[in-house]
C-alpha cells in the first residue's frame, strides 16, 4: 500500500469492506495513481451474493479482507450501507468500471492481460475491445481452461502486462488472484466475472432502465429464472442487515489505496 494514494473511508458492511467512491472518475483516478506509483493493488466487486458467500467461506472472507479496494457492485450493498450507516454508497459496478478502465488504458498506454472465460469469448472480447478503443494494448490473453497455473503466471509476466483482469466467476477468480498476485509483475488486479462475455457480445447486459435503477437482479431473474438461487440470497442478506442495525453492529475504518 502506498501512503500517497488515498481513497474514501472504507465502510464495514457485515464484515466486508466497501470503498464508497463518489464517481467512477474518482475510482479511475485511484487506479491511475496506483499505476504511477508502481505498487500492486487488488480490487474486488462487492455485491450481496459475494458478501453472503463470504459468511460461509472463510477462505473467501480472508481474501476480501486482503483486497485493497472493494467497489459497491450491487444495489443491495448501497441499500445496506444506507440502513447501517445512514449514507447510500453510489454504485460502481465491476462491469462498468472494467470498460471505463479499458478506455483509460487505451489513453494511458497501460498494458492489459485478459485471463479467463471460454476460448471463443476471450478471443472475441480481445478483438472487440481493440476495435472499440484504438490504441488499447492487450499484450496477452488466456482462457480459463488450463492445468498449469505456473505456465499462466509466466505468460503474464513475459507479456509485460500492467493490468490483469480475471474472469473466472466468484470465488475462483478472487482465489486465483490471491494465490498468484505475489508472483505476477502487474500492478492492478481485478476479477470481472462474466464481463468478457459482455465484451464479446456473447451475453447481453440488462437494458439501461434496469441498470440505472439498480434492478439488474430483477432483469436476470426474469430472463434467467433457472438462476433463482443466485437472487434468493438477497433475503438472508437483508435480514442480517436489519438484524445488525437493531443490534447496533455498525463500524467504519480508514483505508488507503495502493
Protein backbone atom coordinates (compact mmCIF):
# COMPACT_ATOMS: atom_id res chain seq x y z
CA UNK A 1 0.00 0.00 0.00
CA UNK A 2 1.34 3.41 -0.96
CA UNK A 3 0.84 6.12 1.63
CA UNK A 4 0.50 8.78 -1.08
CA UNK A 5 -2.66 7.30 -2.58
CA UNK A 6 -5.85 7.77 -0.58
CA UNK A 7 -9.44 6.76 -1.14
CA UNK A 8 -12.67 7.44 0.74
CA UNK A 9 -13.06 5.87 4.15
CA UNK A 10 -13.98 2.22 3.73
CA UNK A 11 -17.31 1.13 5.17
CA UNK A 12 -17.51 -2.12 7.13
CA UNK A 13 -20.55 -3.86 5.70
CA UNK A 14 -21.32 -7.00 7.69
CA UNK A 15 -17.64 -7.87 7.89
CA UNK A 16 -16.69 -6.86 4.34
CA UNK A 17 -15.03 -3.56 3.42
CA UNK A 18 -16.69 -1.41 0.76
CA UNK A 19 -14.99 1.71 -0.62
CA UNK A 20 -17.58 4.46 -1.25
CA UNK A 21 -16.32 6.11 -4.42
CA UNK A 22 -18.48 9.09 -5.28
CA UNK A 23 -17.96 8.70 -9.02
CA UNK A 24 -16.32 6.36 -11.50
CA UNK A 25 -13.86 9.16 -12.18
CA UNK A 26 -12.69 9.04 -8.58
CA UNK A 27 -12.14 5.28 -8.84
CA UNK A 28 -10.26 5.64 -12.12
CA UNK A 29 -8.06 8.35 -10.61
CA UNK A 30 -7.18 5.97 -7.79
CA UNK A 31 -6.19 3.31 -10.32
CA UNK A 32 -4.14 5.88 -12.22
CA UNK A 33 -2.30 6.85 -9.04
CA UNK A 34 -1.67 3.17 -8.38
CA UNK A 35 -0.21 2.64 -11.84
CA UNK A 36 2.01 5.70 -11.45
CA UNK A 37 3.25 4.51 -8.06
CA UNK A 38 4.36 1.12 -9.36
CA UNK A 39 2.67 -0.57 -6.41
CA UNK A 40 0.27 -3.52 -6.60
CA UNK A 41 -3.44 -3.22 -5.91
CA UNK A 42 -6.15 -5.89 -5.76
CA UNK A 43 -9.73 -4.74 -6.35
CA UNK A 44 -12.90 -6.76 -5.82
CA UNK A 45 -16.53 -6.08 -6.72
CA UNK A 46 -18.76 -6.39 -3.65
CA UNK A 47 -22.40 -7.42 -4.08
CA UNK A 48 -24.87 -9.22 -1.78
CA UNK A 49 -24.03 -12.60 -3.32
CA UNK A 50 -20.33 -12.15 -2.56
CA UNK A 51 -20.99 -10.97 1.00
CA UNK A 52 -23.28 -13.97 1.51
CA UNK A 53 -20.63 -16.34 0.15
CA UNK A 54 -18.03 -14.79 2.45
CA UNK A 55 -20.16 -15.63 5.51
CA UNK A 56 -19.95 -19.31 4.57
CA UNK A 57 -16.48 -19.44 3.01
CA UNK A 58 -13.67 -18.47 5.43
CA UNK A 59 -11.11 -18.50 2.60
CA UNK A 60 -13.12 -16.02 0.53
CA UNK A 61 -13.69 -13.86 3.60
CA UNK A 62 -9.94 -13.73 4.22
CA UNK A 63 -9.30 -12.83 0.58
CA UNK A 64 -11.84 -9.99 0.68
CA UNK A 65 -10.11 -8.66 3.79
CA UNK A 66 -6.81 -8.80 1.92
CA UNK A 67 -8.14 -6.85 -1.08
CA UNK A 68 -7.10 -3.20 -1.28
CA UNK A 69 -10.42 -1.88 -2.60
CA UNK A 70 -13.96 -3.29 -2.62
CA UNK A 71 -16.24 -1.44 -5.03
CA UNK A 72 -20.00 -1.19 -4.49
CA UNK A 73 -21.18 -3.56 -7.22
CA UNK A 74 -24.83 -4.03 -6.27
CA UNK A 75 -27.86 -2.00 -5.26
CA UNK A 76 -28.25 -4.29 -2.23
CA UNK A 77 -24.89 -3.09 -0.94
CA UNK A 78 -25.96 0.54 -1.45
CA UNK A 79 -29.18 -0.02 0.48
CA UNK A 80 -27.40 -1.91 3.25
CA UNK A 81 -24.95 0.97 3.68
CA UNK A 82 -27.88 3.39 3.93
CA UNK A 83 -29.56 1.25 6.59
CA UNK A 84 -26.42 0.57 8.61
CA UNK A 85 -24.51 3.83 8.20
CA UNK A 86 -27.07 6.40 7.10
CA UNK A 87 -25.43 7.06 3.72
CA UNK A 88 -26.18 5.27 0.47
CA UNK A 89 -22.98 4.39 -1.40
CA UNK A 90 -23.11 5.20 -5.14
CA UNK A 91 -22.90 2.07 -7.25
CA UNK A 92 -19.60 1.39 -9.02
CA UNK A 93 -20.27 -1.83 -10.88
CA UNK A 94 -17.46 -4.16 -11.87
CA UNK A 95 -18.70 -4.37 -15.46
CA UNK A 96 -18.95 -0.61 -15.96
CA UNK A 97 -15.64 0.02 -14.23
CA UNK A 98 -13.95 -2.58 -16.46
CA UNK A 99 -15.00 -0.79 -19.65
CA UNK A 100 -14.05 2.61 -18.24
CA UNK A 101 -10.64 1.29 -17.19
CA UNK A 102 -10.13 -0.25 -20.63
CA UNK A 103 -10.86 3.15 -22.17
CA UNK A 104 -8.39 4.76 -19.77
CA UNK A 105 -5.80 2.07 -20.52
CA UNK A 106 -6.06 2.92 -24.23
CA UNK A 107 -5.40 6.59 -23.43
CA UNK A 108 -2.59 5.98 -20.94
CA UNK A 109 -0.94 3.07 -22.82
CA UNK A 110 -1.39 0.68 -19.90
CA UNK A 111 -0.74 -2.89 -20.97
CA UNK A 112 -3.63 -5.29 -20.38
CA UNK A 113 -3.90 -9.06 -19.98
CA UNK A 114 -7.26 -10.87 -20.18
CA UNK A 115 -7.42 -14.16 -18.27
CA UNK A 116 -10.48 -16.38 -18.16
CA UNK A 117 -13.69 -17.14 -19.96
CA UNK A 118 -14.01 -19.62 -22.82
CA UNK A 119 -11.55 -19.58 -25.68
CA UNK A 120 -14.10 -18.01 -28.02
CA UNK A 121 -15.32 -15.45 -25.52
CA UNK A 122 -11.78 -14.43 -24.60
CA UNK A 123 -10.77 -14.07 -28.25
CA UNK A 124 -13.85 -12.08 -29.26
CA UNK A 125 -13.60 -9.83 -26.21
CA UNK A 126 -9.99 -9.01 -27.07
CA UNK A 127 -10.80 -8.29 -30.71
CA UNK A 128 -13.84 -6.14 -30.00
CA UNK A 129 -12.16 -4.16 -27.24
CA UNK A 130 -9.23 -3.34 -29.52
CA UNK A 131 -11.66 -2.25 -32.24
CA UNK A 132 -13.69 -0.09 -29.85
CA UNK A 133 -10.72 1.51 -28.08
CA UNK A 134 -8.00 2.43 -30.59
CA UNK A 135 -4.55 2.26 -29.08
CA UNK A 136 -5.52 -0.35 -26.50
CA UNK A 137 -2.64 -2.72 -25.81
CA UNK A 138 -3.91 -6.19 -24.94
CA UNK A 139 -0.48 -7.76 -24.64
CA UNK A 140 -1.74 -11.21 -23.71
CA UNK A 141 -4.81 -13.31 -23.18
CA UNK A 142 -5.63 -16.81 -21.99
CA UNK A 143 -8.89 -18.65 -21.49
CA UNK A 144 -9.80 -20.08 -18.11
CA UNK A 145 -9.25 -23.71 -19.05
CA UNK A 146 -5.71 -24.59 -18.03
CA UNK A 147 -4.00 -27.02 -15.69
CA UNK A 148 -0.65 -25.35 -15.03
CA UNK A 149 -1.03 -22.01 -13.24
CA UNK A 150 2.74 -21.56 -13.24
CA UNK A 151 2.72 -21.50 -17.04
CA UNK A 152 -0.01 -18.86 -16.99
CA UNK A 153 1.94 -16.74 -14.49
CA UNK A 154 5.00 -16.92 -16.78
CA UNK A 155 2.88 -15.93 -19.77
CA UNK A 156 1.51 -12.90 -17.92
CA UNK A 157 4.94 -11.78 -16.77
CA UNK A 158 6.54 -12.27 -20.18
CA UNK A 159 3.80 -10.14 -21.75
CA UNK A 160 4.76 -7.15 -19.63
CA UNK A 161 1.14 -6.65 -18.58
CA UNK A 162 0.41 -3.93 -16.03
CA UNK A 163 -3.29 -4.70 -15.59
CA UNK A 164 -4.70 -8.20 -15.11
CA UNK A 165 -8.43 -8.79 -15.44
CA UNK A 166 -9.58 -12.28 -14.40
CA UNK A 167 -12.94 -13.71 -15.50
CA UNK A 168 -13.46 -16.99 -13.66
CA UNK A 169 -16.50 -16.23 -11.53
CA UNK A 170 -16.63 -15.91 -7.74
CA UNK A 171 -14.88 -17.18 -5.70
CA UNK A 172 -12.48 -18.80 -8.21
CA UNK A 173 -11.21 -15.52 -9.67
CA UNK A 174 -10.56 -13.92 -6.29
CA UNK A 175 -8.79 -17.03 -5.03
CA UNK A 176 -6.65 -17.25 -8.15
CA UNK A 177 -5.56 -13.65 -7.87
CA UNK A 178 -4.81 -14.00 -4.16
CA UNK A 179 -2.79 -17.18 -4.74
CA UNK A 180 -0.65 -15.77 -7.56
CA UNK A 181 -0.58 -11.99 -7.10
CA UNK A 182 2.83 -12.02 -5.40
CA UNK A 183 4.37 -13.88 -8.36
CA UNK A 184 2.90 -11.62 -11.03
CA UNK A 185 4.59 -8.37 -12.03
CA UNK A 186 1.41 -6.48 -12.92
CA UNK A 187 0.23 -3.53 -10.82
CA UNK A 188 -3.55 -3.80 -10.97
CA UNK A 189 -5.62 -6.95 -10.40
CA UNK A 190 -9.39 -7.30 -10.64
CA UNK A 191 -11.90 -10.13 -11.02
CA UNK A 192 -14.59 -9.30 -13.56
CA UNK A 193 -16.92 -12.32 -13.58
CA UNK A 194 -18.84 -12.62 -16.85
CA UNK A 195 -17.68 -9.29 -18.28
CA UNK A 196 -15.65 -10.90 -21.07
CA UNK A 197 -18.90 -12.44 -22.35
CA UNK A 198 -20.43 -8.96 -22.42
CA UNK A 199 -17.39 -7.51 -24.20
CA UNK A 200 -17.50 -10.39 -26.69
CA UNK A 201 -21.20 -9.85 -27.41
CA UNK A 202 -21.98 -13.35 -26.18
CA UNK A 203 -24.02 -12.07 -23.23
CA UNK A 204 -26.26 -9.01 -23.11
CA UNK A 205 -26.48 -6.64 -20.18
CA UNK A 206 -29.78 -5.56 -18.71
CA UNK A 207 -31.44 -2.61 -20.51
CA UNK A 208 -30.39 0.86 -19.33
CA UNK A 209 -33.60 1.36 -17.37
CA UNK A 210 -32.81 -1.65 -15.19
CA UNK A 211 -29.16 -0.59 -14.81
CA UNK A 212 -29.97 3.00 -13.88
CA UNK A 213 -32.46 1.92 -11.23
CA UNK A 214 -30.22 -0.82 -9.85
CA UNK A 215 -32.72 -3.52 -10.82
CA UNK A 216 -30.38 -5.68 -12.89
CA UNK A 217 -31.02 -8.55 -10.47
CA UNK A 218 -34.75 -8.36 -11.35
CA UNK A 219 -33.97 -8.47 -15.07
CA UNK A 220 -31.75 -11.51 -14.53
CA UNK A 221 -34.49 -13.21 -12.55
CA UNK A 222 -36.99 -12.56 -15.34
CA UNK A 223 -34.71 -13.63 -18.19
CA UNK A 224 -32.83 -16.40 -16.36
CA UNK A 225 -35.32 -17.87 -13.86
CA UNK A 226 -33.21 -21.05 -13.59
CA UNK A 227 -30.63 -18.95 -11.70
CA UNK A 228 -33.11 -18.03 -8.96
CA UNK A 229 -30.79 -19.32 -6.24
CA UNK A 230 -28.37 -16.50 -7.05
CA UNK A 231 -31.08 -13.91 -6.36
CA UNK A 232 -32.67 -15.53 -3.32
CA UNK A 233 -29.61 -14.68 -1.20
CA UNK A 234 -30.99 -11.13 -1.03
CA UNK A 235 -33.44 -12.38 1.60
CA UNK A 236 -30.89 -13.64 4.19
CA UNK A 237 -28.62 -10.73 3.27
CA UNK A 238 -31.22 -8.09 4.07
CA UNK A 239 -32.40 -9.97 7.15
CA UNK A 240 -28.88 -9.84 8.53
CA UNK A 241 -28.63 -6.15 7.63
CA UNK A 242 -31.77 -5.33 9.65
CA UNK A 243 -30.63 -7.62 12.48
CA UNK A 244 -27.26 -5.84 12.64
CA UNK A 245 -28.99 -2.46 12.61
CA UNK A 246 -31.21 -3.46 15.53
CA UNK A 247 -28.16 -4.65 17.48
CA UNK A 248 -26.20 -1.52 16.61
CA UNK A 249 -23.42 -3.50 14.89
CA UNK A 250 -22.04 -0.77 12.62
CA UNK A 251 -18.48 0.34 12.14
CA UNK A 252 -16.21 2.15 9.71
CA UNK A 253 -12.49 2.07 9.18
CA UNK A 254 -9.94 4.09 7.26
CA UNK A 255 -8.39 2.55 4.14
CA UNK A 256 -5.64 3.66 1.79
CA UNK A 257 -5.47 2.57 -1.81
CA UNK A 258 -2.33 1.23 -3.42
